[in-house]
């Protein structure tokens, strides 16, 4: 599990995927999220503006990221 530190209390899912380096562009994140390829706390998430908080986990491309 990769622990990713954010500098704010909340971050949007598409921004988080860019922040942690899982994607290089926001447009990539949008497509992966729309296609149901991202899970938040174990549930498929299709909203790119889903708000993430510290303690949440994100699964994408066989990697798990924990927000700290």
N, C-alpha and C. Protein backbone atom coordinates (compact mmCIF):
# COMPACT_ATOMS: atom_id res chain seq x y z
N UNK A 1 0.85 -1.18 0.00
CA UNK A 1 0.00 0.00 0.00
C UNK A 1 0.89 1.24 0.00
N UNK A 2 0.57 2.16 -0.88
CA UNK A 2 1.30 3.43 -0.96
C UNK A 2 0.59 4.47 -0.10
N UNK A 3 1.31 5.12 0.79
CA UNK A 3 0.73 6.19 1.59
C UNK A 3 1.04 7.52 0.92
N UNK A 4 -0.02 8.29 0.65
CA UNK A 4 0.12 9.56 -0.05
C UNK A 4 -0.35 10.68 0.87
N UNK A 5 0.55 11.61 1.14
CA UNK A 5 0.22 12.75 2.00
C UNK A 5 -0.36 13.86 1.16
N UNK A 6 -1.50 14.40 1.62
CA UNK A 6 -2.08 15.56 0.96
C UNK A 6 -1.92 16.76 1.88
N UNK A 7 -1.90 17.94 1.27
CA UNK A 7 -1.65 19.17 2.04
C UNK A 7 -2.94 19.90 2.40
N UNK A 8 -4.07 19.32 2.08
CA UNK A 8 -5.37 19.93 2.37
C UNK A 8 -6.23 18.92 3.12
N UNK A 9 -7.39 19.37 3.58
CA UNK A 9 -8.29 18.46 4.28
C UNK A 9 -9.05 17.55 3.32
N UNK A 10 -9.23 18.02 2.09
CA UNK A 10 -10.02 17.28 1.10
C UNK A 10 -9.37 17.44 -0.28
N UNK A 11 -9.52 16.42 -1.13
CA UNK A 11 -9.01 16.49 -2.50
C UNK A 11 -10.00 15.74 -3.39
N UNK A 12 -10.20 16.23 -4.60
CA UNK A 12 -11.10 15.56 -5.54
C UNK A 12 -10.39 14.36 -6.14
N UNK A 13 -11.17 13.35 -6.49
CA UNK A 13 -10.62 12.09 -6.99
C UNK A 13 -9.72 12.29 -8.21
N UNK A 14 -10.15 13.06 -9.19
CA UNK A 14 -9.32 13.25 -10.38
C UNK A 14 -8.01 13.94 -10.04
N UNK A 15 -8.07 14.91 -9.15
CA UNK A 15 -6.86 15.61 -8.71
C UNK A 15 -5.94 14.68 -7.94
N UNK A 16 -6.52 13.80 -7.15
CA UNK A 16 -5.71 12.87 -6.38
C UNK A 16 -4.93 11.93 -7.29
N UNK A 17 -5.56 11.43 -8.34
CA UNK A 17 -4.87 10.53 -9.26
C UNK A 17 -3.67 11.21 -9.91
N UNK A 18 -3.80 12.50 -10.17
CA UNK A 18 -2.66 13.26 -10.71
C UNK A 18 -1.62 13.48 -9.62
N UNK A 19 -2.06 13.85 -8.42
CA UNK A 19 -1.16 14.16 -7.30
C UNK A 19 -0.26 12.97 -6.96
N UNK A 20 -0.84 11.77 -6.96
CA UNK A 20 -0.07 10.59 -6.56
C UNK A 20 0.74 10.00 -7.72
N UNK A 21 0.56 10.56 -8.93
CA UNK A 21 1.34 10.10 -10.08
C UNK A 21 0.76 8.91 -10.81
N UNK A 22 -0.48 8.53 -10.49
CA UNK A 22 -1.10 7.39 -11.16
C UNK A 22 -1.44 7.70 -12.61
N UNK A 23 -1.72 8.98 -12.89
CA UNK A 23 -1.97 9.44 -14.26
C UNK A 23 -1.17 10.71 -14.48
N UNK A 24 -0.93 11.06 -15.73
CA UNK A 24 -0.15 12.26 -16.00
C UNK A 24 -1.01 13.47 -16.34
N UNK A 25 -2.26 13.23 -16.76
CA UNK A 25 -3.14 14.33 -17.13
C UNK A 25 -4.52 14.13 -16.53
N UNK A 26 -5.19 15.25 -16.29
CA UNK A 26 -6.55 15.19 -15.76
C UNK A 26 -7.51 14.49 -16.70
N UNK A 27 -7.27 14.63 -18.01
CA UNK A 27 -8.16 13.99 -18.98
C UNK A 27 -8.06 12.47 -18.88
N UNK A 28 -6.87 11.97 -18.58
CA UNK A 28 -6.69 10.53 -18.36
C UNK A 28 -7.50 10.08 -17.16
N UNK A 29 -7.38 10.82 -16.07
CA UNK A 29 -8.10 10.49 -14.84
C UNK A 29 -9.60 10.44 -15.11
N UNK A 30 -10.10 11.43 -15.83
CA UNK A 30 -11.53 11.51 -16.12
C UNK A 30 -12.01 10.24 -16.84
N UNK A 31 -11.26 9.78 -17.83
CA UNK A 31 -11.65 8.59 -18.58
C UNK A 31 -11.62 7.33 -17.72
N UNK A 32 -10.56 7.15 -16.94
CA UNK A 32 -10.46 5.97 -16.09
C UNK A 32 -11.59 5.94 -15.06
N UNK A 33 -11.89 7.10 -14.48
CA UNK A 33 -12.96 7.17 -13.48
C UNK A 33 -14.31 6.88 -14.13
N UNK A 34 -14.56 7.51 -15.26
CA UNK A 34 -15.83 7.32 -15.99
C UNK A 34 -16.05 5.86 -16.36
N UNK A 35 -14.97 5.17 -16.71
CA UNK A 35 -15.05 3.76 -17.11
C UNK A 35 -15.12 2.79 -15.93
N UNK A 36 -15.19 3.32 -14.71
CA UNK A 36 -15.34 2.47 -13.53
C UNK A 36 -14.09 1.72 -13.13
N UNK A 37 -12.92 2.26 -13.47
CA UNK A 37 -11.66 1.58 -13.17
C UNK A 37 -11.02 2.00 -11.86
N UNK A 38 -11.71 2.84 -11.09
CA UNK A 38 -11.16 3.35 -9.82
C UNK A 38 -12.12 2.98 -8.70
N UNK A 39 -11.54 2.51 -7.59
CA UNK A 39 -12.34 2.20 -6.40
C UNK A 39 -11.92 3.11 -5.25
N UNK A 40 -12.92 3.58 -4.52
CA UNK A 40 -12.67 4.40 -3.32
C UNK A 40 -13.26 3.64 -2.15
N UNK A 41 -12.42 3.35 -1.17
CA UNK A 41 -12.85 2.58 0.01
C UNK A 41 -13.55 1.29 -0.40
N UNK A 42 -13.05 0.64 -1.46
CA UNK A 42 -13.58 -0.65 -1.88
C UNK A 42 -14.77 -0.60 -2.82
N UNK A 43 -15.29 0.61 -3.10
CA UNK A 43 -16.46 0.76 -3.97
C UNK A 43 -16.06 1.43 -5.27
N UNK A 44 -16.61 0.95 -6.40
CA UNK A 44 -16.35 1.60 -7.69
C UNK A 44 -16.89 3.02 -7.63
N UNK A 45 -16.07 3.96 -8.07
CA UNK A 45 -16.47 5.38 -8.05
C UNK A 45 -16.38 5.94 -9.46
N UNK A 46 -17.48 6.52 -9.95
CA UNK A 46 -17.52 7.07 -11.30
C UNK A 46 -17.64 8.60 -11.31
N UNK A 47 -17.58 9.21 -10.14
CA UNK A 47 -17.65 10.69 -10.07
C UNK A 47 -16.24 11.24 -9.89
N UNK A 48 -15.77 12.00 -10.88
CA UNK A 48 -14.40 12.51 -10.78
C UNK A 48 -14.26 13.57 -9.70
N UNK A 49 -15.38 14.19 -9.32
CA UNK A 49 -15.32 15.22 -8.29
C UNK A 49 -15.58 14.67 -6.88
N UNK A 50 -15.59 13.34 -6.74
CA UNK A 50 -15.77 12.71 -5.43
C UNK A 50 -14.72 13.26 -4.47
N UNK A 51 -15.18 13.75 -3.33
CA UNK A 51 -14.26 14.32 -2.34
C UNK A 51 -13.63 13.21 -1.51
N UNK A 52 -12.32 13.26 -1.41
CA UNK A 52 -11.57 12.28 -0.64
C UNK A 52 -10.98 12.95 0.60
N UNK A 53 -10.96 12.22 1.69
CA UNK A 53 -10.44 12.74 2.95
C UNK A 53 -9.33 11.84 3.46
N UNK A 54 -8.56 12.34 4.40
CA UNK A 54 -7.49 11.54 5.01
C UNK A 54 -8.09 10.26 5.59
N UNK A 55 -7.41 9.15 5.35
CA UNK A 55 -7.89 7.85 5.80
C UNK A 55 -8.56 7.05 4.70
N UNK A 56 -8.97 7.71 3.61
CA UNK A 56 -9.60 7.02 2.48
C UNK A 56 -8.55 6.19 1.74
N UNK A 57 -9.00 5.13 1.08
CA UNK A 57 -8.13 4.36 0.21
C UNK A 57 -8.66 4.44 -1.22
N UNK A 58 -7.72 4.45 -2.17
CA UNK A 58 -8.06 4.49 -3.59
C UNK A 58 -7.32 3.34 -4.25
N UNK A 59 -8.05 2.55 -5.03
CA UNK A 59 -7.44 1.44 -5.77
C UNK A 59 -7.52 1.75 -7.25
N UNK A 60 -6.38 1.60 -7.94
CA UNK A 60 -6.31 1.88 -9.36
C UNK A 60 -5.14 1.12 -9.97
N UNK A 61 -5.41 0.38 -11.03
CA UNK A 61 -4.38 -0.40 -11.73
C UNK A 61 -3.54 -1.26 -10.80
N UNK A 62 -4.22 -2.05 -9.99
CA UNK A 62 -3.57 -3.00 -9.06
C UNK A 62 -2.71 -2.33 -7.99
N UNK A 63 -2.87 -1.05 -7.80
CA UNK A 63 -2.16 -0.32 -6.73
C UNK A 63 -3.20 0.20 -5.74
N UNK A 64 -2.82 0.26 -4.48
CA UNK A 64 -3.68 0.83 -3.46
C UNK A 64 -2.97 2.01 -2.84
N UNK A 65 -3.69 3.12 -2.73
CA UNK A 65 -3.14 4.36 -2.17
C UNK A 65 -3.97 4.73 -0.94
N UNK A 66 -3.29 5.01 0.15
CA UNK A 66 -3.98 5.47 1.36
C UNK A 66 -3.64 6.94 1.56
N UNK A 67 -4.68 7.74 1.74
CA UNK A 67 -4.48 9.18 1.94
C UNK A 67 -4.16 9.44 3.41
N UNK A 68 -3.04 10.14 3.61
CA UNK A 68 -2.66 10.47 4.99
C UNK A 68 -2.46 11.98 5.12
